[in-house]
């Protein structure tokens, strides 16, 4: 991909190329999945830092908060399994509880594009469910908001293993899309920083 920065010097162009090709940003990604689910199997295949959560609404949030507190993650991708869907990915945009709703500020359109580029069917959803998935999403988004963290979080629903035509291929495509989404976001942030310096 060629990038032209009007008025930028060779050093700036080299900085952008270095960021685009660097794997340093991969340490800024955290993946979570629930124990005993297809999400656990997906997360275990990732090269990124991952957490397997024990399906306990209170403990899940505590484990995630502790990890986010240890390191300033740029992106958190939380995965859960959704019944009835087959070979599809649902990007959850909203967490709800009786007090209201919190909308993610994750640029989920970029993830949607990256998933579609891997020939995956994607749905944008505003219903993360009523159980563990939604509880984790609500608690984590509230923590990120209340502590004014720069972390961007998205909750992603995938099918049960039995509802994937080819599980390994499905997982590989999802993880490649996560990487490509983050690579694009990091490159755009680096370019934005360079433009602000010009």
Protein backbone atom coordinates (compact mmCIF):
# COMPACT_ATOMS: atom_id res chain seq x y z
CA UNK A 1 0.00 0.00 0.00
CA UNK A 2 1.54 3.30 -1.03
CA UNK A 3 1.09 6.27 1.26
CA UNK A 4 1.80 9.82 0.16
CA UNK A 5 2.19 12.41 2.87
CA UNK A 6 2.12 15.87 1.37
CA UNK A 7 4.95 17.97 2.72
CA UNK A 8 6.42 15.19 4.83
CA UNK A 9 10.08 14.32 4.77
CA UNK A 10 11.75 11.01 4.07
CA UNK A 11 12.11 10.38 7.82
CA UNK A 12 8.33 10.65 8.27
CA UNK A 13 7.68 8.23 5.39
CA UNK A 14 10.14 5.78 6.89
CA UNK A 15 8.40 6.07 10.27
CA UNK A 16 5.04 5.14 8.73
CA UNK A 17 6.59 2.16 6.88
CA UNK A 18 8.24 1.01 10.09
CA UNK A 19 4.94 1.15 12.02
CA UNK A 20 3.09 -0.70 9.27
CA UNK A 21 5.62 -3.52 9.23
CA UNK A 22 6.24 -3.70 12.96
CA UNK A 23 4.81 -6.36 15.25
CA UNK A 24 5.40 -4.21 18.37
CA UNK A 25 1.74 -3.19 18.42
CA UNK A 26 0.70 -6.83 18.80
CA UNK A 27 1.48 -6.57 22.52
CA UNK A 28 -1.30 -3.98 22.74
CA UNK A 29 -3.98 -6.57 21.91
CA UNK A 30 -5.86 -8.66 24.46
CA UNK A 31 -8.27 -11.47 23.55
CA UNK A 32 -10.72 -13.06 25.98
CA UNK A 33 -12.87 -16.16 25.70
CA UNK A 34 -15.10 -18.11 28.06
CA UNK A 35 -13.96 -21.48 29.36
CA UNK A 36 -15.53 -24.52 27.71
CA UNK A 37 -16.77 -22.65 24.62
CA UNK A 38 -15.81 -22.20 20.99
CA UNK A 39 -14.46 -18.81 22.08
CA UNK A 40 -11.88 -20.52 24.31
CA UNK A 41 -10.66 -22.63 21.37
CA UNK A 42 -10.39 -19.53 19.16
CA UNK A 43 -8.52 -17.47 21.73
CA UNK A 44 -6.05 -20.30 22.43
CA UNK A 45 -5.00 -20.21 18.75
CA UNK A 46 -4.06 -16.53 18.93
CA UNK A 47 -0.50 -15.21 19.18
CA UNK A 48 -1.72 -12.33 21.32
CA UNK A 49 -2.13 -12.15 25.08
CA UNK A 50 -5.26 -14.08 25.96
CA UNK A 51 -7.46 -14.68 28.99
CA UNK A 52 -9.76 -17.63 29.47
CA UNK A 53 -12.60 -16.53 31.73
CA UNK A 54 -14.39 -18.96 34.09
CA UNK A 55 -18.05 -18.13 33.28
CA UNK A 56 -18.65 -16.26 36.52
CA UNK A 57 -20.20 -12.82 36.08
CA UNK A 58 -18.29 -11.25 38.97
CA UNK A 59 -14.99 -13.12 38.59
CA UNK A 60 -14.87 -12.65 34.80
CA UNK A 61 -14.96 -8.88 35.23
CA UNK A 62 -12.41 -8.93 38.07
CA UNK A 63 -9.94 -10.97 36.01
CA UNK A 64 -10.34 -8.67 33.01
CA UNK A 65 -10.02 -5.50 35.14
CA UNK A 66 -6.85 -6.83 36.76
CA UNK A 67 -5.29 -7.56 33.36
CA UNK A 68 -6.26 -4.19 31.90
CA UNK A 69 -4.83 -2.55 35.04
CA UNK A 70 -1.53 -4.37 34.58
CA UNK A 71 -1.05 -3.17 31.04
CA UNK A 72 -2.56 -0.45 28.93
CA UNK A 73 -4.05 -2.48 26.10
CA UNK A 74 -5.00 -0.55 23.02
CA UNK A 75 -7.56 -3.13 21.89
CA UNK A 76 -9.60 -5.76 23.73
CA UNK A 77 -11.46 -8.36 21.68
CA UNK A 78 -13.81 -10.43 23.83
CA UNK A 79 -15.29 -13.53 22.24
CA UNK A 80 -18.35 -15.52 23.18
CA UNK A 81 -20.47 -18.14 21.48
CA UNK A 82 -23.96 -17.44 20.22
CA UNK A 83 -26.49 -20.24 19.78
CA UNK A 84 -28.30 -20.79 16.49
CA UNK A 85 -25.90 -18.82 14.25
CA UNK A 86 -23.94 -20.75 11.63
CA UNK A 87 -20.66 -19.64 10.01
CA UNK A 88 -21.31 -15.99 10.96
CA UNK A 89 -19.73 -13.40 13.21
CA UNK A 90 -21.76 -10.91 15.23
CA UNK A 91 -20.11 -7.64 16.26
CA UNK A 92 -21.81 -6.37 19.40
CA UNK A 93 -22.02 -2.59 19.60
CA UNK A 94 -23.95 -2.16 22.87
CA UNK A 95 -23.89 -3.55 26.41
CA UNK A 96 -27.04 -3.21 28.51
CA UNK A 97 -28.23 -3.54 32.06
CA UNK A 98 -31.21 -2.25 34.01
CA UNK A 99 -29.50 1.15 34.37
CA UNK A 100 -29.18 1.70 30.65
CA UNK A 101 -26.72 1.00 27.90
CA UNK A 102 -23.13 1.69 26.94
CA UNK A 103 -22.10 1.86 23.29
CA UNK A 104 -18.58 0.79 22.39
CA UNK A 105 -16.30 3.39 20.81
CA UNK A 106 -14.37 0.66 18.99
CA UNK A 107 -14.29 1.40 15.24
CA UNK A 108 -16.17 -1.81 14.50
CA UNK A 109 -16.62 -0.88 10.82
CA UNK A 110 -12.90 -1.56 10.33
CA UNK A 111 -13.28 -5.00 11.91
CA UNK A 112 -16.37 -5.64 9.81
CA UNK A 113 -14.39 -4.80 6.65
CA UNK A 114 -11.48 -7.02 7.74
CA UNK A 115 -13.82 -9.96 8.43
CA UNK A 116 -15.58 -9.51 5.09
CA UNK A 117 -12.17 -9.45 3.37
CA UNK A 118 -11.70 -12.97 4.79
CA UNK A 119 -15.03 -14.04 3.23
CA UNK A 120 -16.81 -14.21 6.57
CA UNK A 121 -20.43 -13.23 6.96
CA UNK A 122 -20.76 -10.43 9.51
CA UNK A 123 -23.72 -8.95 11.35
CA UNK A 124 -23.74 -5.74 13.39
CA UNK A 125 -25.78 -6.32 16.55
CA UNK A 126 -26.98 -4.19 19.45
CA UNK A 127 -27.96 -7.16 21.63
CA UNK A 128 -25.07 -8.90 23.40
CA UNK A 129 -27.53 -11.19 25.19
CA UNK A 130 -28.64 -11.40 28.79
CA UNK A 131 -25.99 -13.54 30.42
CA UNK A 132 -22.18 -13.82 30.72
CA UNK A 133 -21.36 -12.08 27.43
CA UNK A 134 -23.42 -8.98 28.12
CA UNK A 135 -22.35 -8.86 31.79
CA UNK A 136 -18.66 -8.90 30.86
CA UNK A 137 -19.19 -6.31 28.13
CA UNK A 138 -21.15 -3.98 30.43
CA UNK A 139 -18.66 -4.22 33.29
CA UNK A 140 -15.63 -3.77 31.05
CA UNK A 141 -17.03 -0.83 29.07
CA UNK A 142 -18.10 0.84 32.33
CA UNK A 143 -14.59 0.35 33.76
CA UNK A 144 -12.95 1.74 30.62
CA UNK A 145 -15.30 4.74 30.67
CA UNK A 146 -15.05 5.43 34.41
CA UNK A 147 -11.25 5.21 34.44
CA UNK A 148 -10.96 7.26 31.23
CA UNK A 149 -8.83 4.57 29.60
CA UNK A 150 -7.87 4.78 25.94
CA UNK A 151 -8.59 1.08 25.51
CA UNK A 152 -11.03 0.20 22.73
CA UNK A 153 -13.14 -2.91 23.32
CA UNK A 154 -15.43 -4.96 21.11
CA UNK A 155 -17.45 -8.07 21.93
CA UNK A 156 -17.59 -10.63 19.13
CA UNK A 157 -20.01 -13.53 18.99
CA UNK A 158 -19.01 -16.63 17.04
CA UNK A 159 -20.96 -19.87 16.49
CA UNK A 160 -20.80 -23.02 18.57
CA UNK A 161 -18.18 -25.42 17.15
CA UNK A 162 -20.90 -27.68 15.73
CA UNK A 163 -22.23 -24.70 13.74
CA UNK A 164 -18.96 -24.02 11.89
CA UNK A 165 -18.52 -25.78 8.57
CA UNK A 166 -14.72 -25.77 8.96
CA UNK A 167 -13.67 -24.75 12.48
CA UNK A 168 -9.91 -24.31 11.98
CA UNK A 169 -10.39 -22.26 8.84
CA UNK A 170 -13.07 -20.14 10.54
CA UNK A 171 -10.76 -19.44 13.49
CA UNK A 172 -7.82 -18.60 11.21
CA UNK A 173 -9.94 -16.13 9.26
CA UNK A 174 -11.24 -14.42 12.40
CA UNK A 175 -7.73 -14.07 13.84
CA UNK A 176 -6.34 -12.77 10.54
CA UNK A 177 -9.14 -10.19 10.43
CA UNK A 178 -8.32 -9.09 14.01
CA UNK A 179 -4.68 -8.59 13.02
CA UNK A 180 -5.52 -6.73 9.81
CA UNK A 181 -8.02 -4.50 11.61
CA UNK A 182 -5.43 -3.55 14.24
CA UNK A 183 -2.70 -3.06 11.64
CA UNK A 184 -4.91 -0.60 9.74
CA UNK A 185 -5.88 1.25 12.92
CA UNK A 186 -2.26 1.56 14.08
CA UNK A 187 -1.14 2.76 10.64
CA UNK A 188 -3.90 5.37 10.53
CA UNK A 189 -2.98 6.58 14.02
CA UNK A 190 0.68 6.90 13.01
CA UNK A 191 -0.25 8.83 9.87
CA UNK A 192 -2.52 11.10 11.92
CA UNK A 193 0.35 11.82 14.32
CA UNK A 194 2.62 12.70 11.40
CA UNK A 195 0.04 15.06 9.87
CA UNK A 196 -0.33 16.83 13.21
CA UNK A 197 3.45 17.40 13.29
CA UNK A 198 3.54 18.82 9.76
